[in-house]
Amino acid sequence: MSEGTERKRFERGVEALRQIPDPLRRLDAVRAAREELESLEAEAVRSARSEGATWKAIGALYGLSKQGAQQRFRASGVVREDG
């Protein structure tokens, strides 16, 4: 699947959330989606690291330094204290 196709699928999902008419139901759905995305992000970082991606490369995706990337993902348990 191309990056453009992946982006369009994601945007359709976001639009589906926007279309939930009840504000509290929409808020709950957005909260649940954010939690799922945070989990997916941590999993993707762990996977990237296990396949040899450097913290520098991961940081570059976020506009962060190597150290910034490590700090960002330390709270989610992706970064072990020994680095």
PDB file of N, CA and C in Angstrom:
ATOM      1  N   MET A   1       0.845  -1.173   0.000  1.00  0.00           N
ATOM      2  CA  MET A   1       0.000   0.000   0.000  1.00  0.00           C
ATOM      3  C   MET A   1       0.891   1.237   0.000  1.00  0.00           C
ATOM      4  N   SER A   2       0.564   2.192  -0.848  1.00  0.00           N
ATOM      5  CA  SER A   2       1.388   3.395  -0.945  1.00  0.00           C
ATOM      6  C   SER A   2       1.102   4.330   0.227  1.00  0.00           C
ATOM      7  N   GLU A   3       2.048   5.234   0.456  1.00  0.00           N
ATOM      8  CA  GLU A   3       1.886   6.181   1.548  1.00  0.00           C
ATOM      9  C   GLU A   3       0.656   7.052   1.333  1.00  0.00           C
ATOM     10  N   GLY A   4       0.379   7.431   0.074  1.00  0.00           N
ATOM     11  CA  GLY A   4      -0.802   8.235  -0.225  1.00  0.00           C
ATOM     12  C   GLY A   4      -2.086   7.506   0.115  1.00  0.00           C
ATOM     13  N   THR A   5      -2.145   6.217  -0.190  1.00  0.00           N
ATOM     14  CA  THR A   5      -3.319   5.410   0.127  1.00  0.00           C
ATOM     15  C   THR A   5      -3.490   5.281   1.632  1.00  0.00           C
ATOM     16  N   GLU A   6      -2.389   5.071   2.335  1.00  0.00           N
ATOM     17  CA  GLU A   6      -2.445   4.972   3.796  1.00  0.00           C
ATOM     18  C   GLU A   6      -2.960   6.271   4.395  1.00  0.00           C
ATOM     19  N   ARG A   7      -2.468   7.392   3.890  1.00  0.00           N
ATOM     20  CA  ARG A   7      -2.891   8.707   4.394  1.00  0.00           C
ATOM     21  C   ARG A   7      -4.391   8.902   4.157  1.00  0.00           C
ATOM     22  N   LYS A   8      -4.873   8.531   2.964  1.00  0.00           N
ATOM     23  CA  LYS A   8      -6.296   8.697   2.655  1.00  0.00           C
ATOM     24  C   LYS A   8      -7.169   7.837   3.563  1.00  0.00           C
ATOM     25  N   ARG A   9      -6.727   6.620   3.848  1.00  0.00           N
ATOM     26  CA  ARG A   9      -7.486   5.749   4.749  1.00  0.00           C
ATOM     27  C   ARG A   9      -7.561   6.358   6.142  1.00  0.00           C
ATOM     28  N   PHE A  10      -6.451   6.905   6.606  1.00  0.00           N
ATOM     29  CA  PHE A  10      -6.426   7.546   7.919  1.00  0.00           C
ATOM     30  C   PHE A  10      -7.367   8.747   7.934  1.00  0.00           C
ATOM     31  N   GLU A  11      -7.304   9.566   6.894  1.00  0.00           N
ATOM     32  CA  GLU A  11      -8.157  10.758   6.822  1.00  0.00           C
ATOM     33  C   GLU A  11      -9.638  10.391   6.801  1.00  0.00           C
ATOM     34  N   ARG A  12      -9.989   9.273   6.148  1.00  0.00           N
ATOM     35  CA  ARG A  12     -11.390   8.822   6.162  1.00  0.00           C
ATOM     36  C   ARG A  12     -11.809   8.439   7.581  1.00  0.00           C
ATOM     37  N   GLY A  13     -10.902   7.813   8.323  1.00  0.00           N
ATOM     38  CA  GLY A  13     -11.200   7.464   9.708  1.00  0.00           C
ATOM     39  C   GLY A  13     -11.407   8.695  10.574  1.00  0.00           C
ATOM     40  N   VAL A  14     -10.569   9.691  10.386  1.00  0.00           N
ATOM     41  CA  VAL A  14     -10.711  10.944  11.140  1.00  0.00           C
ATOM     42  C   VAL A  14     -12.037  11.617  10.777  1.00  0.00           C
ATOM     43  N   GLU A  15     -12.354  11.626   9.494  1.00  0.00           N
ATOM     44  CA  GLU A  15     -13.623  12.235   9.069  1.00  0.00           C
ATOM     45  C   GLU A  15     -14.816  11.495   9.672  1.00  0.00           C
ATOM     46  N   ALA A  16     -14.723  10.184   9.785  1.00  0.00           N
ATOM     47  CA  ALA A  16     -15.805   9.415  10.414  1.00  0.00           C
ATOM     48  C   ALA A  16     -15.993   9.851  11.866  1.00  0.00           C
ATOM     49  N   LEU A  17     -14.896  10.127  12.555  1.00  0.00           N
ATOM     50  CA  LEU A  17     -15.004  10.629  13.929  1.00  0.00           C
ATOM     51  C   LEU A  17     -15.677  11.997  13.948  1.00  0.00           C
ATOM     52  N   ARG A  18     -15.318  12.847  13.015  1.00  0.00           N
ATOM     53  CA  ARG A  18     -15.917  14.188  12.947  1.00  0.00           C
ATOM     54  C   ARG A  18     -17.423  14.130  12.711  1.00  0.00           C
ATOM     55  N   GLN A  19     -17.872  13.096  12.059  1.00  0.00           N
ATOM     56  CA  GLN A  19     -19.284  12.985  11.691  1.00  0.00           C
ATOM     57  C   GLN A  19     -20.172  12.454  12.810  1.00  0.00           C
ATOM     58  N   ILE A  20     -19.598  12.049  13.920  1.00  0.00           N
ATOM     59  CA  ILE A  20     -20.423  11.574  15.046  1.00  0.00           C
ATOM     60  C   ILE A  20     -21.180  12.776  15.588  1.00  0.00           C
ATOM     61  N   PRO A  21     -22.510  12.753  15.514  1.00  0.00           N
ATOM     62  CA  PRO A  21     -23.273  13.965  15.839  1.00  0.00           C
ATOM     63  C   PRO A  21     -23.271  14.350  17.321  1.00  0.00           C
ATOM     64  N   ASP A  22     -23.316  13.392  18.199  1.00  0.00           N
ATOM     65  CA  ASP A  22     -23.353  13.705  19.624  1.00  0.00           C
ATOM     66  C   ASP A  22     -21.957  14.069  20.108  1.00  0.00           C
ATOM     67  N   PRO A  23     -21.783  15.278  20.676  1.00  0.00           N
ATOM     68  CA  PRO A  23     -20.442  15.721  21.084  1.00  0.00           C
ATOM     69  C   PRO A  23     -19.768  14.823  22.112  1.00  0.00           C
ATOM     70  N   LEU A  24     -20.522  14.292  23.058  1.00  0.00           N
ATOM     71  CA  LEU A  24     -19.912  13.424  24.071  1.00  0.00           C
ATOM     72  C   LEU A  24     -19.510  12.081  23.468  1.00  0.00           C
ATOM     73  N   ARG A  25     -20.325  11.533  22.589  1.00  0.00           N
ATOM     74  CA  ARG A  25     -19.951  10.287  21.913  1.00  0.00           C
ATOM     75  C   ARG A  25     -18.730  10.526  21.029  1.00  0.00           C
ATOM     76  N   ARG A  26     -18.697  11.686  20.338  1.00  0.00           N
ATOM     77  CA  ARG A  26     -17.553  12.024  19.492  1.00  0.00           C
ATOM     78  C   ARG A  26     -16.292  12.157  20.347  1.00  0.00           C
ATOM     79  N   LEU A  27     -16.410  12.833  21.481  1.00  0.00           N
ATOM     80  CA  LEU A  27     -15.271  12.997  22.378  1.00  0.00           C
ATOM     81  C   LEU A  27     -14.771  11.650  22.870  1.00  0.00           C
ATOM     82  N   ASP A  28     -15.678  10.773  23.244  1.00  0.00           N
ATOM     83  CA  ASP A  28     -15.279   9.452  23.707  1.00  0.00           C
ATOM     84  C   ASP A  28     -14.589   8.666  22.600  1.00  0.00           C
ATOM     85  N   ALA A  29     -15.105   8.762  21.384  1.00  0.00           N
ATOM     86  CA  ALA A  29     -14.497   8.057  20.253  1.00  0.00           C
ATOM     87  C   ALA A  29     -13.104   8.613  19.950  1.00  0.00           C
ATOM     88  N   VAL A  30     -12.946   9.922  20.028  1.00  0.00           N
ATOM     89  CA  VAL A  30     -11.632  10.546  19.790  1.00  0.00           C
ATOM     90  C   VAL A  30     -10.647  10.128  20.878  1.00  0.00           C
ATOM     91  N   ARG A  31     -11.117  10.099  22.135  1.00  0.00           N
ATOM     92  CA  ARG A  31     -10.247   9.665  23.234  1.00  0.00           C
ATOM     93  C   ARG A  31      -9.776   8.236  23.017  1.00  0.00           C
ATOM     94  N   ALA A  32     -10.698   7.370  22.654  1.00  0.00           N
ATOM     95  CA  ALA A  32     -10.348   5.963  22.426  1.00  0.00           C
ATOM     96  C   ALA A  32      -9.377   5.838  21.249  1.00  0.00           C
ATOM     97  N   ALA A  33      -9.613   6.604  20.195  1.00  0.00           N
ATOM     98  CA  ALA A  33      -8.716   6.562  19.029  1.00  0.00           C
ATOM     99  C   ALA A  33      -7.320   7.043  19.410  1.00  0.00           C
ATOM    100  N   ARG A  34      -7.249   8.109  20.208  1.00  0.00           N
ATOM    101  CA  ARG A  34      -5.937   8.626  20.637  1.00  0.00           C
ATOM    102  C   ARG A  34      -5.187   7.581  21.437  1.00  0.00           C
ATOM    103  N   GLU A  35      -5.869   6.896  22.337  1.00  0.00           N
ATOM    104  CA  GLU A  35      -5.222   5.855  23.131  1.00  0.00           C
ATOM    105  C   GLU A  35      -4.708   4.730  22.237  1.00  0.00           C
ATOM    106  N   GLU A  36      -5.508   4.327  21.267  1.00  0.00           N
ATOM    107  CA  GLU A  36      -5.078   3.287  20.325  1.00  0.00           C
ATOM    108  C   GLU A  36      -3.875   3.747  19.512  1.00  0.00           C
ATOM    109  N   LEU A  37      -3.901   5.000  19.057  1.00  0.00           N
ATOM    110  CA  LEU A  37      -2.786   5.516  18.261  1.00  0.00           C
ATOM    111  C   LEU A  37      -1.506   5.625  19.082  1.00  0.00           C
ATOM    112  N   GLU A  38      -1.633   6.019  20.347  1.00  0.00           N
ATOM    113  CA  GLU A  38      -0.451   6.084  21.206  1.00  0.00           C
ATOM    114  C   GLU A  38       0.156   4.695  21.392  1.00  0.00           C
ATOM    115  N   SER A  39      -0.691   3.708  21.561  1.00  0.00           N
ATOM    116  CA  SER A  39      -0.220   2.332  21.700  1.00  0.00           C
ATOM    117  C   SER A  39       0.445   1.865  20.398  1.00  0.00           C
ATOM    118  N   LEU A  40      -0.187   2.166  19.286  1.00  0.00           N
ATOM    119  CA  LEU A  40       0.370   1.799  17.981  1.00  0.00           C
ATOM    120  C   LEU A  40       1.705   2.496  17.742  1.00  0.00           C
ATOM    121  N   GLU A  41       1.799   3.767  18.156  1.00  0.00           N
ATOM    122  CA  GLU A  41       3.047   4.514  18.007  1.00  0.00           C
ATOM    123  C   GLU A  41       4.167   3.847  18.793  1.00  0.00           C
ATOM    124  N   ALA A  42       3.905   3.498  20.046  1.00  0.00           N
ATOM    125  CA  ALA A  42       4.920   2.854  20.875  1.00  0.00           C
ATOM    126  C   ALA A  42       5.343   1.522  20.263  1.00  0.00           C
ATOM    127  N   GLU A  43       4.370   0.763  19.774  1.00  0.00           N
ATOM    128  CA  GLU A  43       4.659  -0.514  19.128  1.00  0.00           C
ATOM    129  C   GLU A  43       5.512  -0.317  17.875  1.00  0.00           C
ATOM    130  N   ALA A  44       5.204   0.718  17.103  1.00  0.00           N
ATOM    131  CA  ALA A  44       5.967   0.993  15.880  1.00  0.00           C
ATOM    132  C   ALA A  44       7.400   1.406  16.206  1.00  0.00           C
ATOM    133  N   VAL A  45       7.573   2.174  17.273  1.00  0.00           N
ATOM    134  CA  VAL A  45       8.929   2.577  17.675  1.00  0.00           C
ATOM    135  C   VAL A  45       9.713   1.347  18.121  1.00  0.00           C
ATOM    136  N   ARG A  46       9.095   0.495  18.946  1.00  0.00           N
ATOM    137  CA  ARG A  46       9.783  -0.731  19.374  1.00  0.00           C
ATOM    138  C   ARG A  46      10.173  -1.581  18.173  1.00  0.00           C
ATOM    139  N   SER A  47       9.265  -1.712  17.227  1.00  0.00           N
ATOM    140  CA  SER A  47       9.533  -2.500  16.033  1.00  0.00           C
ATOM    141  C   SER A  47      10.662  -1.890  15.210  1.00  0.00           C
ATOM    142  N   ALA A  48      10.611  -0.581  15.025  1.00  0.00           N
ATOM    143  CA  ALA A  48      11.664   0.097  14.266  1.00  0.00           C
ATOM    144  C   ALA A  48      13.021  -0.105  14.935  1.00  0.00           C
ATOM    145  N   ARG A  49      13.045   0.048  16.263  1.00  0.00           N
ATOM    146  CA  ARG A  49      14.295  -0.130  16.993  1.00  0.00           C
ATOM    147  C   ARG A  49      14.804  -1.563  16.863  1.00  0.00           C
ATOM    148  N   SER A  50      13.907  -2.545  16.974  1.00  0.00           N
ATOM    149  CA  SER A  50      14.342  -3.943  16.898  1.00  0.00           C
ATOM    150  C   SER A  50      14.840  -4.296  15.496  1.00  0.00           C
ATOM    151  N   GLU A  51      14.400  -3.531  14.500  1.00  0.00           N
ATOM    152  CA  GLU A  51      14.866  -3.761  13.139  1.00  0.00           C
ATOM    153  C   GLU A  51      16.049  -2.874  12.771  1.00  0.00           C
ATOM    154  N   GLY A  52      16.605  -2.177  13.768  1.00  0.00           N
ATOM    155  CA  GLY A  52      17.837  -1.450  13.551  1.00  0.00           C
ATOM    156  C   GLY A  52      17.735   0.047  13.342  1.00  0.00           C
ATOM    157  N   ALA A  53      16.531   0.605  13.414  1.00  0.00           N
ATOM    158  CA  ALA A  53      16.412   2.062  13.267  1.00  0.00           C
ATOM    159  C   ALA A  53      17.106   2.749  14.436  1.00  0.00           C
ATOM    160  N   THR A  54      17.790   3.825  14.148  1.00  0.00           N
ATOM    161  CA  THR A  54      18.484   4.570  15.199  1.00  0.00           C
ATOM    162  C   THR A  54      17.548   5.574  15.844  1.00  0.00           C
ATOM    163  N   TRP A  55      17.902   5.988  17.063  1.00  0.00           N
ATOM    164  CA  TRP A  55      17.138   7.036  17.718  1.00  0.00           C
ATOM    165  C   TRP A  55      17.242   8.331  16.927  1.00  0.00           C
ATOM    166  N   LYS A  56      18.363   8.537  16.277  1.00  0.00           N
ATOM    167  CA  LYS A  56      18.531   9.738  15.457  1.00  0.00           C
ATOM    168  C   LYS A  56      17.509   9.748  14.321  1.00  0.00           C
ATOM    169  N   ALA A  57      17.323   8.610  13.652  1.00  0.00           N
ATOM    170  CA  ALA A  57      16.366   8.520  12.546  1.00  0.00           C
ATOM    171  C   ALA A  57      14.928   8.681  13.046  1.00  0.00           C
ATOM    172  N   ILE A  58      14.624   8.065  14.179  1.00  0.00           N
ATOM    173  CA  ILE A  58      13.280   8.196  14.747  1.00  0.00           C
ATOM    174  C   ILE A  58      13.044   9.647  15.156  1.00  0.00           C
ATOM    175  N   GLY A  59      14.021  10.251  15.796  1.00  0.00           N
ATOM    176  CA  GLY A  59      13.898  11.650  16.188  1.00  0.00           C
ATOM    177  C   GLY A  59      13.656  12.561  14.999  1.00  0.00           C
ATOM    178  N   ALA A  60      14.318  12.270  13.885  1.00  0.00           N
ATOM    179  CA  ALA A  60      14.162  13.107  12.691  1.00  0.00           C
ATOM    180  C   ALA A  60      12.710  13.130  12.218  1.00  0.00           C
ATOM    181  N   LEU A  61      11.994  12.019  12.376  1.00  0.00           N
ATOM    182  CA  LEU A  61      10.582  11.980  11.981  1.00  0.00           C
ATOM    183  C   LEU A  61       9.732  12.933  12.809  1.00  0.00           C
ATOM    184  N   TYR A  62      10.173  13.218  14.022  1.00  0.00           N
ATOM    185  CA  TYR A  62       9.438  14.076  14.940  1.00  0.00           C
ATOM    186  C   TYR A  62      10.055  15.474  15.066  1.00  0.00           C
ATOM    187  N   GLY A  63      11.116  15.720  14.341  1.00  0.00           N
ATOM    188  CA  GLY A  63      11.799  17.001  14.478  1.00  0.00           C
ATOM    189  C   GLY A  63      12.541  17.106  15.795  1.00  0.00           C
ATOM    190  N   LEU A  64      13.022  15.961  16.289  1.00  0.00           N
ATOM    191  CA  LEU A  64      13.710  15.899  17.573  1.00  0.00           C
ATOM    192  C   LEU A  64      15.129  15.385  17.390  1.00  0.00           C
ATOM    193  N   SER A  65      15.943  15.641  18.390  1.00  0.00           N
ATOM    194  CA  SER A  65      17.277  15.038  18.439  1.00  0.00           C
ATOM    195  C   SER A  65      17.142  13.590  18.888  1.00  0.00           C
ATOM    196  N   LYS A  66      18.249  12.865  18.845  1.00  0.00           N
ATOM    197  CA  LYS A  66      18.290  11.499  19.369  1.00  0.00           C
ATOM    198  C   LYS A  66      17.805  11.486  20.818  1.00  0.00           C
ATOM    199  N   GLN A  67      18.339  12.393  21.621  1.00  0.00           N
ATOM    200  CA  GLN A  67      17.974  12.451  23.034  1.00  0.00           C
ATOM    201  C   GLN A  67      16.501  12.824  23.215  1.00  0.00           C
ATOM    202  N   GLY A  68      16.006  13.723  22.376  1.00  0.00           N
ATOM    203  CA  GLY A  68      14.601  14.119  22.446  1.00  0.00           C
ATOM    204  C   GLY A  68      13.674  12.950  22.158  1.00  0.00           C
ATOM    205  N   ALA A  69      14.037  12.147  21.165  1.00  0.00           N
ATOM    206  CA  ALA A  69      13.231  10.968  20.833  1.00  0.00           C
ATOM    207  C   ALA A  69      13.242   9.975  21.987  1.00  0.00           C
ATOM    208  N   GLN A  70      14.396   9.755  22.575  1.00  0.00           N
ATOM    209  CA  GLN A  70      14.479   8.833  23.705  1.00  0.00           C
ATOM    210  C   GLN A  70      13.616   9.322  24.862  1.00  0.00           C
ATOM    211  N   GLN A  71      13.655  10.619  25.150  1.00  0.00           N
ATOM    212  CA  GLN A  71      12.853  11.171  26.241  1.00  0.00           C
ATOM    213  C   GLN A  71      11.362  11.045  25.938  1.00  0.00           C
ATOM    214  N   ARG A  72      10.984  11.306  24.690  1.00  0.00           N
ATOM    215  CA  ARG A  72       9.573  11.228  24.310  1.00  0.00           C
ATOM    216  C   ARG A  72       9.006   9.836  24.549  1.00  0.00           C
ATOM    217  N   PHE A  73       9.785   8.810  24.248  1.00  0.00           N
ATOM    218  CA  PHE A  73       9.269   7.451  24.327  1.00  0.00           C
ATOM    219  C   PHE A  73       9.623   6.732  25.621  1.00  0.00           C
ATOM    220  N   ARG A  74      10.362   7.361  26.495  1.00  0.00           N
ATOM    221  CA  ARG A  74      10.701   6.741  27.780  1.00  0.00           C
ATOM    222  C   ARG A  74       9.438   6.491  28.606  1.00  0.00           C
ATOM    223  N   ALA A  75       8.520   7.450  28.637  1.00  0.00           N
ATOM    224  CA  ALA A  75       7.310   7.315  29.448  1.00  0.00           C
ATOM    225  C   ALA A  75       6.440   6.143  28.995  1.00  0.00           C
ATOM    226  N   SER A  76       6.476   5.814  27.714  1.00  0.00           N
ATOM    227  CA  SER A  76       5.648   4.713  27.210  1.00  0.00           C
ATOM    228  C   SER A  76       6.340   3.363  27.350  1.00  0.00           C
ATOM    229  N   GLY A  77       7.537   3.370  27.955  1.00  0.00           N
ATOM    230  CA  GLY A  77       8.233   2.112  28.169  1.00  0.00           C
ATOM    231  C   GLY A  77       8.999   1.604  26.961  1.00  0.00           C
ATOM    232  N   VAL A  78       9.056   2.393  25.907  1.00  0.00           N
ATOM    233  CA  VAL A  78       9.784   1.974  24.713  1.00  0.00           C
ATOM    234  C   VAL A  78      11.282   2.009  24.980  1.00  0.00           C
ATOM    235  N   VAL A  79      11.719   3.040  25.710  1.00  0.00           N
ATOM    236  CA  VAL A  79      13.138   3.199  26.009  1.00  0.00           C
ATOM    237  C   VAL A  79      13.418   2.592  27.367  1.00  0.00           C
ATOM    238  N   ARG A  80      14.334   1.648  27.401  1.00  0.00           N
ATOM    239  CA  ARG A  80      14.778   1.102  28.676  1.00  0.00           C
ATOM    240  C   ARG A  80      15.779   2.076  29.275  1.00  0.00           C
ATOM    241  N   GLU A  81      15.933   2.011  30.572  1.00  0.00           N
ATOM    242  CA  GLU A  81      16.858   2.922  31.260  1.00  0.00           C
ATOM    243  C   GLU A  81      18.294   2.767  30.753  1.00  0.00           C
ATOM    244  N   ASP A  82      18.644   1.567  30.244  1.00  0.00           N
ATOM    245  CA  ASP A  82      20.007   1.388  29.735  1.00  0.00           C
ATOM    246  C   ASP A  82      20.107   1.818  28.280  1.00  0.00           C
ATOM    247  N   GLY A  83      19.069   2.430  27.734  1.00  0.00           N
ATOM    248  CA  GLY A  83      19.147   3.039  26.426  1.00  0.00           C
ATOM    249  C   GLY A  83      18.550   2.252  25.338  1.00  0.00           C
TER     250      GLY A  83
END
